N, C-alpha and C. Protein backbone atom coordinates (compact mmCIF):
# COMPACT_ATOMS: atom_id res chain seq x y z
N UNK A 1 -6.53 18.03 -32.25
CA UNK A 1 -6.92 17.53 -33.56
C UNK A 1 -7.82 16.31 -33.36
N UNK A 2 -8.95 16.28 -34.06
CA UNK A 2 -9.85 15.14 -33.95
C UNK A 2 -9.38 14.02 -34.87
N UNK A 3 -9.88 12.82 -34.60
CA UNK A 3 -9.48 11.68 -35.42
C UNK A 3 -9.91 11.86 -36.87
N UNK A 4 -11.01 12.59 -37.11
CA UNK A 4 -11.46 12.83 -38.48
C UNK A 4 -10.48 13.70 -39.26
N UNK A 5 -9.66 14.46 -38.53
CA UNK A 5 -8.68 15.33 -39.18
C UNK A 5 -7.32 14.66 -39.38
N UNK A 6 -7.14 13.51 -38.78
CA UNK A 6 -5.87 12.79 -38.89
C UNK A 6 -5.87 11.92 -40.14
N UNK A 7 -4.69 11.61 -40.66
CA UNK A 7 -4.63 10.78 -41.88
C UNK A 7 -5.08 9.35 -41.62
N UNK A 8 -5.66 8.78 -42.64
CA UNK A 8 -6.09 7.38 -42.57
C UNK A 8 -4.88 6.48 -42.43
N UNK A 9 -5.07 5.38 -41.71
CA UNK A 9 -4.04 4.36 -41.59
C UNK A 9 -4.30 3.18 -42.53
N UNK A 10 -5.42 3.24 -43.24
CA UNK A 10 -5.74 2.18 -44.20
C UNK A 10 -4.83 2.38 -45.40
N UNK A 11 -4.18 1.31 -45.81
CA UNK A 11 -3.27 1.45 -46.96
C UNK A 11 -3.59 0.40 -48.01
N UNK A 12 -3.36 0.80 -49.22
CA UNK A 12 -3.47 -0.13 -50.34
C UNK A 12 -2.08 -0.70 -50.59
N UNK A 13 -2.01 -2.00 -50.71
CA UNK A 13 -0.74 -2.64 -51.03
C UNK A 13 -0.70 -2.85 -52.54
N UNK A 14 0.30 -2.30 -53.22
CA UNK A 14 0.38 -2.51 -54.67
C UNK A 14 0.44 -4.00 -55.00
N UNK A 15 -0.16 -4.38 -56.11
CA UNK A 15 -0.18 -5.80 -56.51
C UNK A 15 1.22 -6.42 -56.48
N UNK A 16 2.22 -5.68 -56.96
CA UNK A 16 3.58 -6.22 -57.03
C UNK A 16 4.17 -6.50 -55.64
N UNK A 17 3.63 -5.85 -54.61
CA UNK A 17 4.16 -6.03 -53.25
C UNK A 17 3.40 -7.08 -52.44
N UNK A 18 2.33 -7.66 -53.02
CA UNK A 18 1.55 -8.67 -52.30
C UNK A 18 2.32 -9.97 -52.19
N UNK A 19 2.25 -10.58 -51.02
CA UNK A 19 2.83 -11.92 -50.86
C UNK A 19 1.89 -12.91 -51.54
N UNK A 20 2.37 -14.13 -51.83
CA UNK A 20 1.46 -15.14 -52.40
C UNK A 20 0.24 -15.39 -51.52
N UNK A 21 0.42 -15.39 -50.20
CA UNK A 21 -0.71 -15.61 -49.29
C UNK A 21 -1.70 -14.45 -49.37
N UNK A 22 -1.20 -13.22 -49.48
CA UNK A 22 -2.08 -12.07 -49.61
C UNK A 22 -2.83 -12.11 -50.94
N UNK A 23 -2.16 -12.49 -52.01
CA UNK A 23 -2.81 -12.59 -53.34
C UNK A 23 -3.91 -13.64 -53.28
N UNK A 24 -3.64 -14.79 -52.66
CA UNK A 24 -4.65 -15.85 -52.55
C UNK A 24 -5.84 -15.37 -51.72
N UNK A 25 -5.58 -14.62 -50.65
CA UNK A 25 -6.67 -14.10 -49.82
C UNK A 25 -7.53 -13.12 -50.61
N UNK A 26 -6.90 -12.26 -51.39
CA UNK A 26 -7.66 -11.30 -52.21
C UNK A 26 -8.48 -12.05 -53.26
N UNK A 27 -7.90 -13.05 -53.89
CA UNK A 27 -8.63 -13.82 -54.89
C UNK A 27 -9.86 -14.49 -54.26
N UNK A 28 -9.69 -15.03 -53.05
CA UNK A 28 -10.83 -15.65 -52.36
C UNK A 28 -11.89 -14.60 -52.04
N UNK A 29 -11.46 -13.44 -51.60
CA UNK A 29 -12.39 -12.36 -51.29
C UNK A 29 -13.17 -11.93 -52.54
N UNK A 30 -12.47 -11.76 -53.64
CA UNK A 30 -13.14 -11.36 -54.89
C UNK A 30 -14.10 -12.44 -55.34
N UNK A 31 -13.75 -13.70 -55.12
CA UNK A 31 -14.65 -14.80 -55.48
C UNK A 31 -15.90 -14.82 -54.62
N UNK A 32 -15.76 -14.47 -53.35
CA UNK A 32 -16.91 -14.49 -52.44
C UNK A 32 -17.72 -13.22 -52.48
N UNK A 33 -17.06 -12.07 -52.60
CA UNK A 33 -17.75 -10.79 -52.51
C UNK A 33 -17.77 -10.01 -53.81
N UNK A 34 -16.82 -10.30 -54.70
CA UNK A 34 -16.75 -9.57 -55.96
C UNK A 34 -16.09 -8.21 -55.84
N UNK A 35 -15.66 -7.85 -54.64
CA UNK A 35 -15.01 -6.55 -54.42
C UNK A 35 -14.16 -6.66 -53.15
N UNK A 36 -13.41 -5.61 -52.85
CA UNK A 36 -12.58 -5.60 -51.65
C UNK A 36 -13.11 -4.52 -50.72
N UNK A 37 -14.00 -4.89 -49.77
CA UNK A 37 -14.46 -3.91 -48.80
C UNK A 37 -13.28 -3.38 -47.96
N UNK A 38 -13.37 -2.16 -47.52
CA UNK A 38 -12.27 -1.50 -46.81
C UNK A 38 -11.74 -2.31 -45.62
N UNK A 39 -12.57 -2.94 -44.77
CA UNK A 39 -11.98 -3.68 -43.64
C UNK A 39 -10.98 -4.74 -44.08
N UNK A 40 -11.16 -5.30 -45.24
CA UNK A 40 -10.25 -6.34 -45.70
C UNK A 40 -8.89 -5.79 -46.06
N UNK A 41 -8.81 -4.51 -46.36
CA UNK A 41 -7.50 -3.88 -46.59
C UNK A 41 -6.70 -3.87 -45.29
N UNK A 42 -7.40 -3.74 -44.16
CA UNK A 42 -6.76 -3.79 -42.85
C UNK A 42 -6.39 -5.24 -42.52
N UNK A 43 -7.31 -6.15 -42.72
CA UNK A 43 -7.11 -7.54 -42.35
C UNK A 43 -6.12 -8.26 -43.26
N UNK A 44 -5.79 -7.66 -44.41
CA UNK A 44 -4.85 -8.28 -45.34
C UNK A 44 -3.47 -8.47 -44.70
N UNK A 45 -3.18 -7.71 -43.65
CA UNK A 45 -1.90 -7.90 -42.95
C UNK A 45 -1.78 -9.32 -42.42
N UNK A 46 -2.90 -9.97 -42.17
CA UNK A 46 -2.93 -11.37 -41.73
C UNK A 46 -3.79 -12.14 -42.74
N UNK A 47 -3.20 -12.56 -43.86
CA UNK A 47 -4.01 -13.14 -44.94
C UNK A 47 -4.82 -14.37 -44.54
N UNK A 48 -4.29 -15.20 -43.67
CA UNK A 48 -5.05 -16.40 -43.27
C UNK A 48 -6.28 -15.99 -42.46
N UNK A 49 -6.09 -15.05 -41.55
CA UNK A 49 -7.24 -14.56 -40.78
C UNK A 49 -8.24 -13.89 -41.72
N UNK A 50 -7.73 -13.13 -42.68
CA UNK A 50 -8.61 -12.46 -43.65
C UNK A 50 -9.46 -13.49 -44.40
N UNK A 51 -8.87 -14.60 -44.78
CA UNK A 51 -9.64 -15.64 -45.50
C UNK A 51 -10.76 -16.18 -44.63
N UNK A 52 -10.50 -16.37 -43.35
CA UNK A 52 -11.55 -16.84 -42.45
C UNK A 52 -12.64 -15.77 -42.28
N UNK A 53 -12.23 -14.53 -42.15
CA UNK A 53 -13.20 -13.43 -42.03
C UNK A 53 -14.04 -13.34 -43.31
N UNK A 54 -13.40 -13.56 -44.45
CA UNK A 54 -14.14 -13.51 -45.72
C UNK A 54 -15.21 -14.59 -45.76
N UNK A 55 -14.86 -15.79 -45.38
CA UNK A 55 -15.85 -16.88 -45.42
C UNK A 55 -17.01 -16.59 -44.47
N UNK A 56 -16.68 -16.14 -43.28
CA UNK A 56 -17.72 -15.82 -42.31
C UNK A 56 -18.56 -14.64 -42.80
N UNK A 57 -17.90 -13.56 -43.21
CA UNK A 57 -18.62 -12.38 -43.67
C UNK A 57 -19.50 -12.66 -44.87
N UNK A 58 -18.99 -13.43 -45.82
CA UNK A 58 -19.78 -13.74 -47.00
C UNK A 58 -21.01 -14.56 -46.62
N UNK A 59 -20.84 -15.54 -45.72
CA UNK A 59 -22.00 -16.28 -45.24
C UNK A 59 -23.01 -15.34 -44.59
N UNK A 60 -22.53 -14.50 -43.70
CA UNK A 60 -23.44 -13.63 -42.94
C UNK A 60 -24.23 -12.67 -43.83
N UNK A 61 -23.61 -12.19 -44.91
CA UNK A 61 -24.33 -11.21 -45.74
C UNK A 61 -25.03 -11.84 -46.94
N UNK A 62 -24.76 -13.11 -47.22
CA UNK A 62 -25.42 -13.71 -48.39
C UNK A 62 -26.27 -14.93 -48.07
N UNK A 63 -26.03 -15.60 -46.94
CA UNK A 63 -26.72 -16.87 -46.71
C UNK A 63 -27.38 -16.99 -45.34
N UNK A 64 -27.22 -16.01 -44.47
CA UNK A 64 -27.84 -16.15 -43.15
C UNK A 64 -29.34 -15.93 -43.28
N UNK A 65 -30.05 -16.27 -42.22
CA UNK A 65 -31.51 -16.10 -42.22
C UNK A 65 -31.94 -14.67 -41.96
N UNK A 66 -31.00 -13.80 -41.62
CA UNK A 66 -31.33 -12.39 -41.36
C UNK A 66 -31.59 -11.66 -42.68
N UNK A 67 -32.63 -10.84 -42.68
CA UNK A 67 -32.93 -10.07 -43.89
C UNK A 67 -31.95 -8.91 -44.00
N UNK A 68 -31.94 -8.28 -45.15
CA UNK A 68 -31.07 -7.14 -45.36
C UNK A 68 -31.37 -6.02 -44.37
N UNK A 69 -32.64 -5.73 -44.15
CA UNK A 69 -33.02 -4.70 -43.17
C UNK A 69 -32.56 -5.08 -41.76
N UNK A 70 -32.76 -6.33 -41.38
CA UNK A 70 -32.32 -6.78 -40.06
C UNK A 70 -30.81 -6.63 -39.90
N UNK A 71 -30.07 -7.00 -40.94
CA UNK A 71 -28.61 -6.85 -40.88
C UNK A 71 -28.22 -5.38 -40.74
N UNK A 72 -28.86 -4.51 -41.50
CA UNK A 72 -28.51 -3.08 -41.42
C UNK A 72 -28.84 -2.50 -40.05
N UNK A 73 -29.96 -2.89 -39.48
CA UNK A 73 -30.30 -2.43 -38.13
C UNK A 73 -29.24 -2.88 -37.13
N UNK A 74 -28.85 -4.14 -37.20
CA UNK A 74 -27.83 -4.66 -36.28
C UNK A 74 -26.51 -3.91 -36.45
N UNK A 75 -26.13 -3.66 -37.68
CA UNK A 75 -24.87 -2.96 -37.95
C UNK A 75 -24.91 -1.56 -37.36
N UNK A 76 -26.03 -0.87 -37.52
CA UNK A 76 -26.12 0.49 -36.98
C UNK A 76 -25.98 0.49 -35.46
N UNK A 77 -26.60 -0.47 -34.78
CA UNK A 77 -26.47 -0.54 -33.32
C UNK A 77 -25.02 -0.82 -32.93
N UNK A 78 -24.39 -1.76 -33.60
CA UNK A 78 -22.98 -2.09 -33.32
C UNK A 78 -22.09 -0.88 -33.57
N UNK A 79 -22.30 -0.21 -34.68
CA UNK A 79 -21.48 0.96 -35.01
C UNK A 79 -21.65 2.05 -33.96
N UNK A 80 -22.89 2.25 -33.51
CA UNK A 80 -23.13 3.23 -32.46
C UNK A 80 -22.38 2.84 -31.19
N UNK A 81 -22.47 1.59 -30.81
CA UNK A 81 -21.82 1.12 -29.59
C UNK A 81 -20.31 1.37 -29.63
N UNK A 82 -19.67 1.04 -30.74
CA UNK A 82 -18.21 1.15 -30.86
C UNK A 82 -17.75 2.54 -31.31
N UNK A 83 -18.68 3.48 -31.43
CA UNK A 83 -18.34 4.82 -31.92
C UNK A 83 -17.65 4.71 -33.28
N UNK A 84 -18.18 3.80 -34.09
CA UNK A 84 -17.61 3.52 -35.40
C UNK A 84 -18.23 4.43 -36.46
N UNK A 85 -17.70 5.63 -36.58
CA UNK A 85 -18.27 6.63 -37.49
C UNK A 85 -18.27 6.15 -38.94
N UNK A 86 -17.20 5.46 -39.35
CA UNK A 86 -17.13 4.97 -40.74
C UNK A 86 -18.29 4.00 -40.99
N UNK A 87 -18.44 3.02 -40.12
CA UNK A 87 -19.47 1.99 -40.30
C UNK A 87 -20.86 2.61 -40.17
N UNK A 88 -21.04 3.51 -39.21
CA UNK A 88 -22.36 4.12 -39.04
C UNK A 88 -22.74 4.92 -40.29
N UNK A 89 -21.81 5.70 -40.82
CA UNK A 89 -22.11 6.49 -42.02
C UNK A 89 -22.40 5.60 -43.23
N UNK A 90 -21.55 4.60 -43.44
CA UNK A 90 -21.75 3.71 -44.59
C UNK A 90 -23.07 2.97 -44.49
N UNK A 91 -23.43 2.55 -43.28
CA UNK A 91 -24.65 1.76 -43.13
C UNK A 91 -25.88 2.61 -42.88
N UNK A 92 -25.71 3.89 -42.61
CA UNK A 92 -26.85 4.81 -42.68
C UNK A 92 -27.33 4.86 -44.12
N UNK A 93 -26.39 5.01 -45.02
CA UNK A 93 -26.72 5.04 -46.46
C UNK A 93 -27.34 3.71 -46.88
N UNK A 94 -26.72 2.60 -46.50
CA UNK A 94 -27.24 1.27 -46.88
C UNK A 94 -28.61 1.02 -46.25
N UNK A 95 -28.79 1.45 -45.01
CA UNK A 95 -30.07 1.28 -44.33
C UNK A 95 -31.18 2.05 -45.04
N UNK A 96 -30.88 3.26 -45.43
CA UNK A 96 -31.88 4.04 -46.17
C UNK A 96 -32.25 3.34 -47.47
N UNK A 97 -31.28 2.72 -48.12
CA UNK A 97 -31.54 2.03 -49.39
C UNK A 97 -32.48 0.85 -49.22
N UNK A 98 -32.54 0.27 -48.02
CA UNK A 98 -33.46 -0.85 -47.79
C UNK A 98 -34.69 -0.41 -47.01
N UNK A 99 -34.91 0.90 -46.94
CA UNK A 99 -36.15 1.42 -46.38
C UNK A 99 -36.16 1.74 -44.91
N UNK A 100 -35.01 1.79 -44.27
CA UNK A 100 -34.97 2.17 -42.86
C UNK A 100 -35.09 3.69 -42.80
N UNK A 101 -36.03 4.16 -42.01
CA UNK A 101 -36.32 5.60 -41.96
C UNK A 101 -35.26 6.37 -41.19
N UNK A 102 -35.18 7.66 -41.47
CA UNK A 102 -34.26 8.51 -40.73
C UNK A 102 -34.62 8.56 -39.25
N UNK A 103 -35.91 8.44 -38.92
CA UNK A 103 -36.32 8.43 -37.50
C UNK A 103 -35.73 7.22 -36.78
N UNK A 104 -35.73 6.07 -37.42
CA UNK A 104 -35.17 4.86 -36.83
C UNK A 104 -33.65 5.02 -36.70
N UNK A 105 -33.02 5.51 -37.74
CA UNK A 105 -31.56 5.72 -37.71
C UNK A 105 -31.19 6.71 -36.60
N UNK A 106 -31.97 7.79 -36.48
CA UNK A 106 -31.72 8.79 -35.44
C UNK A 106 -31.87 8.20 -34.05
N UNK A 107 -32.90 7.38 -33.85
CA UNK A 107 -33.09 6.74 -32.53
C UNK A 107 -31.88 5.89 -32.18
N UNK A 108 -31.40 5.10 -33.13
CA UNK A 108 -30.23 4.25 -32.88
C UNK A 108 -29.01 5.12 -32.60
N UNK A 109 -28.85 6.20 -33.37
CA UNK A 109 -27.70 7.10 -33.18
C UNK A 109 -27.68 7.73 -31.79
N UNK A 110 -28.85 7.82 -31.18
CA UNK A 110 -28.94 8.41 -29.85
C UNK A 110 -29.16 7.37 -28.75
N UNK A 111 -28.94 6.10 -29.10
CA UNK A 111 -29.00 5.03 -28.11
C UNK A 111 -30.40 4.68 -27.64
N UNK A 112 -31.41 5.02 -28.44
CA UNK A 112 -32.79 4.72 -28.06
C UNK A 112 -33.31 3.54 -28.88
N UNK A 113 -34.30 2.86 -28.33
CA UNK A 113 -34.97 1.80 -29.06
C UNK A 113 -35.92 2.46 -30.06
N UNK A 114 -35.74 2.21 -31.35
CA UNK A 114 -36.63 2.82 -32.34
C UNK A 114 -38.00 2.15 -32.35
N UNK A 115 -38.97 2.87 -32.89
CA UNK A 115 -40.29 2.28 -33.11
C UNK A 115 -40.21 1.41 -34.35
N UNK A 116 -40.38 0.12 -34.16
CA UNK A 116 -40.33 -0.84 -35.26
C UNK A 116 -41.57 -1.72 -35.19
N UNK A 117 -42.28 -1.83 -36.30
CA UNK A 117 -43.49 -2.65 -36.35
C UNK A 117 -43.19 -4.13 -36.47
N UNK A 118 -42.11 -4.48 -37.15
CA UNK A 118 -41.79 -5.87 -37.41
C UNK A 118 -41.17 -6.52 -36.17
N UNK A 119 -41.75 -7.65 -35.70
CA UNK A 119 -41.22 -8.29 -34.48
C UNK A 119 -39.78 -8.80 -34.65
N UNK A 120 -39.42 -9.23 -35.84
CA UNK A 120 -38.04 -9.68 -36.07
C UNK A 120 -37.08 -8.51 -35.94
N UNK A 121 -37.44 -7.38 -36.53
CA UNK A 121 -36.57 -6.20 -36.46
C UNK A 121 -36.46 -5.70 -35.02
N UNK A 122 -37.56 -5.71 -34.29
CA UNK A 122 -37.51 -5.31 -32.87
C UNK A 122 -36.57 -6.24 -32.10
N UNK A 123 -36.67 -7.53 -32.37
CA UNK A 123 -35.82 -8.51 -31.69
C UNK A 123 -34.34 -8.28 -32.01
N UNK A 124 -34.05 -8.00 -33.26
CA UNK A 124 -32.66 -7.74 -33.67
C UNK A 124 -32.09 -6.56 -32.90
N UNK A 125 -32.83 -5.45 -32.86
CA UNK A 125 -32.33 -4.26 -32.18
C UNK A 125 -32.27 -4.49 -30.67
N UNK A 126 -33.25 -5.17 -30.11
CA UNK A 126 -33.24 -5.43 -28.67
C UNK A 126 -32.04 -6.29 -28.27
N UNK A 127 -31.75 -7.33 -29.04
CA UNK A 127 -30.59 -8.18 -28.74
C UNK A 127 -29.30 -7.38 -28.94
N UNK A 128 -29.22 -6.63 -30.02
CA UNK A 128 -28.00 -5.84 -30.27
C UNK A 128 -27.78 -4.82 -29.15
N UNK A 129 -28.85 -4.18 -28.70
CA UNK A 129 -28.73 -3.25 -27.58
C UNK A 129 -28.34 -3.98 -26.31
N UNK A 130 -28.91 -5.15 -26.08
CA UNK A 130 -28.60 -5.93 -24.88
C UNK A 130 -27.16 -6.41 -24.87
N UNK A 131 -26.63 -6.70 -26.05
CA UNK A 131 -25.25 -7.19 -26.13
C UNK A 131 -24.26 -6.15 -25.61
N UNK A 132 -24.64 -4.90 -25.64
CA UNK A 132 -23.77 -3.82 -25.17
C UNK A 132 -23.76 -3.71 -23.65
N UNK A 133 -24.72 -4.32 -22.99
CA UNK A 133 -24.90 -4.16 -21.55
C UNK A 133 -24.00 -5.12 -20.76
N UNK A 134 -23.79 -4.79 -19.51
CA UNK A 134 -22.95 -5.62 -18.63
C UNK A 134 -23.58 -7.00 -18.42
N UNK A 135 -24.87 -7.04 -18.22
CA UNK A 135 -25.58 -8.29 -17.95
C UNK A 135 -26.16 -8.85 -19.25
N UNK A 136 -26.41 -10.17 -19.30
CA UNK A 136 -27.05 -10.75 -20.48
C UNK A 136 -28.47 -10.22 -20.64
N UNK A 137 -28.99 -10.37 -21.83
CA UNK A 137 -30.38 -9.95 -22.09
C UNK A 137 -31.32 -10.63 -21.10
N UNK A 138 -32.33 -9.89 -20.68
CA UNK A 138 -33.35 -10.46 -19.80
C UNK A 138 -34.13 -11.55 -20.53
N UNK A 139 -34.85 -12.34 -19.78
CA UNK A 139 -35.60 -13.45 -20.36
C UNK A 139 -36.62 -12.99 -21.40
N UNK A 140 -37.30 -11.88 -21.15
CA UNK A 140 -38.31 -11.40 -22.10
C UNK A 140 -37.66 -11.06 -23.44
N UNK A 141 -36.52 -10.40 -23.41
CA UNK A 141 -35.83 -10.05 -24.66
C UNK A 141 -35.30 -11.30 -25.34
N UNK A 142 -34.65 -12.16 -24.56
CA UNK A 142 -34.06 -13.37 -25.13
C UNK A 142 -35.14 -14.28 -25.71
N UNK A 143 -36.17 -14.55 -24.92
CA UNK A 143 -37.25 -15.43 -25.39
C UNK A 143 -37.98 -14.82 -26.57
N UNK A 144 -38.14 -13.50 -26.57
CA UNK A 144 -38.76 -12.81 -27.71
C UNK A 144 -37.93 -12.96 -28.97
N UNK A 145 -36.62 -12.91 -28.81
CA UNK A 145 -35.73 -13.08 -29.97
C UNK A 145 -35.80 -14.50 -30.51
N UNK A 146 -35.83 -15.48 -29.62
CA UNK A 146 -35.96 -16.87 -30.07
C UNK A 146 -37.29 -17.06 -30.80
N UNK A 147 -38.36 -16.48 -30.25
CA UNK A 147 -39.67 -16.61 -30.89
C UNK A 147 -39.69 -15.93 -32.26
N UNK A 148 -39.04 -14.77 -32.37
CA UNK A 148 -39.08 -14.02 -33.62
C UNK A 148 -38.10 -14.54 -34.66
N UNK A 149 -36.90 -14.90 -34.22
CA UNK A 149 -35.82 -15.25 -35.15
C UNK A 149 -35.56 -16.74 -35.25
N UNK A 150 -36.02 -17.50 -34.26
CA UNK A 150 -35.65 -18.91 -34.16
C UNK A 150 -34.27 -19.01 -33.52
N UNK A 151 -33.95 -20.18 -33.03
CA UNK A 151 -32.64 -20.37 -32.41
C UNK A 151 -31.51 -20.17 -33.41
N UNK A 152 -31.73 -20.62 -34.65
CA UNK A 152 -30.69 -20.45 -35.66
C UNK A 152 -30.50 -18.97 -35.99
N UNK A 153 -31.58 -18.24 -36.11
CA UNK A 153 -31.47 -16.81 -36.41
C UNK A 153 -30.80 -16.04 -35.29
N UNK A 154 -31.10 -16.40 -34.05
CA UNK A 154 -30.46 -15.74 -32.91
C UNK A 154 -28.97 -16.05 -32.90
N UNK A 155 -28.60 -17.30 -33.16
CA UNK A 155 -27.17 -17.67 -33.21
C UNK A 155 -26.47 -16.87 -34.30
N UNK A 156 -27.10 -16.76 -35.47
CA UNK A 156 -26.50 -15.99 -36.57
C UNK A 156 -26.39 -14.52 -36.19
N UNK A 157 -27.40 -13.97 -35.54
CA UNK A 157 -27.36 -12.57 -35.13
C UNK A 157 -26.20 -12.32 -34.17
N UNK A 158 -26.01 -13.18 -33.21
CA UNK A 158 -24.94 -12.98 -32.24
C UNK A 158 -23.57 -12.99 -32.93
N UNK A 159 -23.36 -13.91 -33.85
CA UNK A 159 -22.09 -13.93 -34.59
C UNK A 159 -21.99 -12.69 -35.48
N UNK A 160 -23.10 -12.29 -36.08
CA UNK A 160 -23.12 -11.09 -36.92
C UNK A 160 -22.69 -9.86 -36.11
N UNK A 161 -23.19 -9.75 -34.87
CA UNK A 161 -22.81 -8.62 -34.02
C UNK A 161 -21.30 -8.63 -33.75
N UNK A 162 -20.75 -9.81 -33.52
CA UNK A 162 -19.31 -9.91 -33.30
C UNK A 162 -18.52 -9.56 -34.54
N UNK A 163 -18.96 -10.06 -35.68
CA UNK A 163 -18.27 -9.77 -36.94
C UNK A 163 -18.25 -8.26 -37.19
N UNK A 164 -19.41 -7.62 -37.06
CA UNK A 164 -19.45 -6.18 -37.34
C UNK A 164 -18.82 -5.36 -36.23
N UNK A 165 -18.66 -5.91 -35.03
CA UNK A 165 -17.86 -5.25 -34.02
C UNK A 165 -16.41 -5.19 -34.50
N UNK A 166 -15.91 -6.29 -35.06
CA UNK A 166 -14.55 -6.31 -35.60
C UNK A 166 -14.40 -5.29 -36.72
N UNK A 167 -15.41 -5.18 -37.57
CA UNK A 167 -15.36 -4.20 -38.66
C UNK A 167 -15.31 -2.78 -38.09
N UNK A 168 -16.21 -2.48 -37.16
CA UNK A 168 -16.28 -1.12 -36.60
C UNK A 168 -14.99 -0.75 -35.89
N UNK A 169 -14.45 -1.69 -35.13
CA UNK A 169 -13.20 -1.41 -34.40
C UNK A 169 -12.05 -1.20 -35.38
N UNK A 170 -11.95 -2.05 -36.39
CA UNK A 170 -10.87 -1.91 -37.37
C UNK A 170 -10.94 -0.57 -38.08
N UNK A 171 -12.13 -0.18 -38.51
CA UNK A 171 -12.26 1.08 -39.24
C UNK A 171 -11.95 2.28 -38.34
N UNK A 172 -12.32 2.17 -37.07
CA UNK A 172 -12.01 3.25 -36.13
C UNK A 172 -10.51 3.33 -35.87
N UNK A 173 -9.88 2.20 -35.57
CA UNK A 173 -8.46 2.20 -35.24
C UNK A 173 -7.59 2.61 -36.43
N UNK A 174 -8.03 2.27 -37.63
CA UNK A 174 -7.25 2.60 -38.81
C UNK A 174 -7.69 3.92 -39.44
N UNK A 175 -8.57 4.64 -38.73
CA UNK A 175 -9.05 5.96 -39.17
C UNK A 175 -9.47 5.94 -40.64
N UNK A 176 -10.31 4.99 -40.98
CA UNK A 176 -10.83 4.93 -42.35
C UNK A 176 -11.60 6.21 -42.64
N UNK A 177 -11.41 6.79 -43.82
CA UNK A 177 -12.14 8.01 -44.16
C UNK A 177 -13.65 7.77 -44.09
N UNK A 178 -14.34 8.65 -43.40
CA UNK A 178 -15.77 8.47 -43.18
C UNK A 178 -16.54 8.87 -44.43
N UNK A 179 -17.33 7.93 -44.96
CA UNK A 179 -18.10 8.25 -46.17
C UNK A 179 -19.27 9.18 -45.85
N UNK A 180 -19.74 9.86 -46.86
CA UNK A 180 -20.90 10.74 -46.71
C UNK A 180 -22.15 9.86 -46.70
N UNK A 181 -22.92 9.85 -45.57
CA UNK A 181 -24.09 8.97 -45.51
C UNK A 181 -25.22 9.43 -46.41
N UNK A 182 -25.12 10.64 -46.95
CA UNK A 182 -26.18 11.17 -47.81
C UNK A 182 -25.89 10.99 -49.29
N UNK A 183 -24.70 10.48 -49.59
CA UNK A 183 -24.34 10.25 -50.98
C UNK A 183 -24.96 8.94 -51.45
N UNK A 184 -25.51 8.95 -52.61
CA UNK A 184 -26.17 7.74 -53.12
C UNK A 184 -25.20 6.69 -53.54
């Protein structure tokens, strides 16, 4: 039996069963994001950690210097690396919504460097691909990323890769139902 055929381990906790700490964490999440993304249902088991993840995640998706397209490209590379089918499917859809072509998505899905005209987007994918390797990024990739993203953008990208690694791993381990990437 494949993992896609096994039941999800993600559970909804009824409001009446939430601890005060869990209720406070959900309220903070709704204040920051306006919704409860699926990974937070997993992280709710540790409400204090969830609150920290919410603050970090909200910053990364609303206030970092990375553009929406750059974030989606990074997420796709991370999801591919971790074999995170849930995250890859969800962000295939999100990537298409911000104009990422199916050819670029396909290249990432097959572990190839896509053809990208934008130097920032190339830097994002190159760093994300390098993060998967045993050795640190070579000087050309690293220096290119600093030139394209700035030191602050590179720092944000590295944390973003870690954050979405946690998302991909959580969704894989908890067998989150894989969304249809072609659904609008």
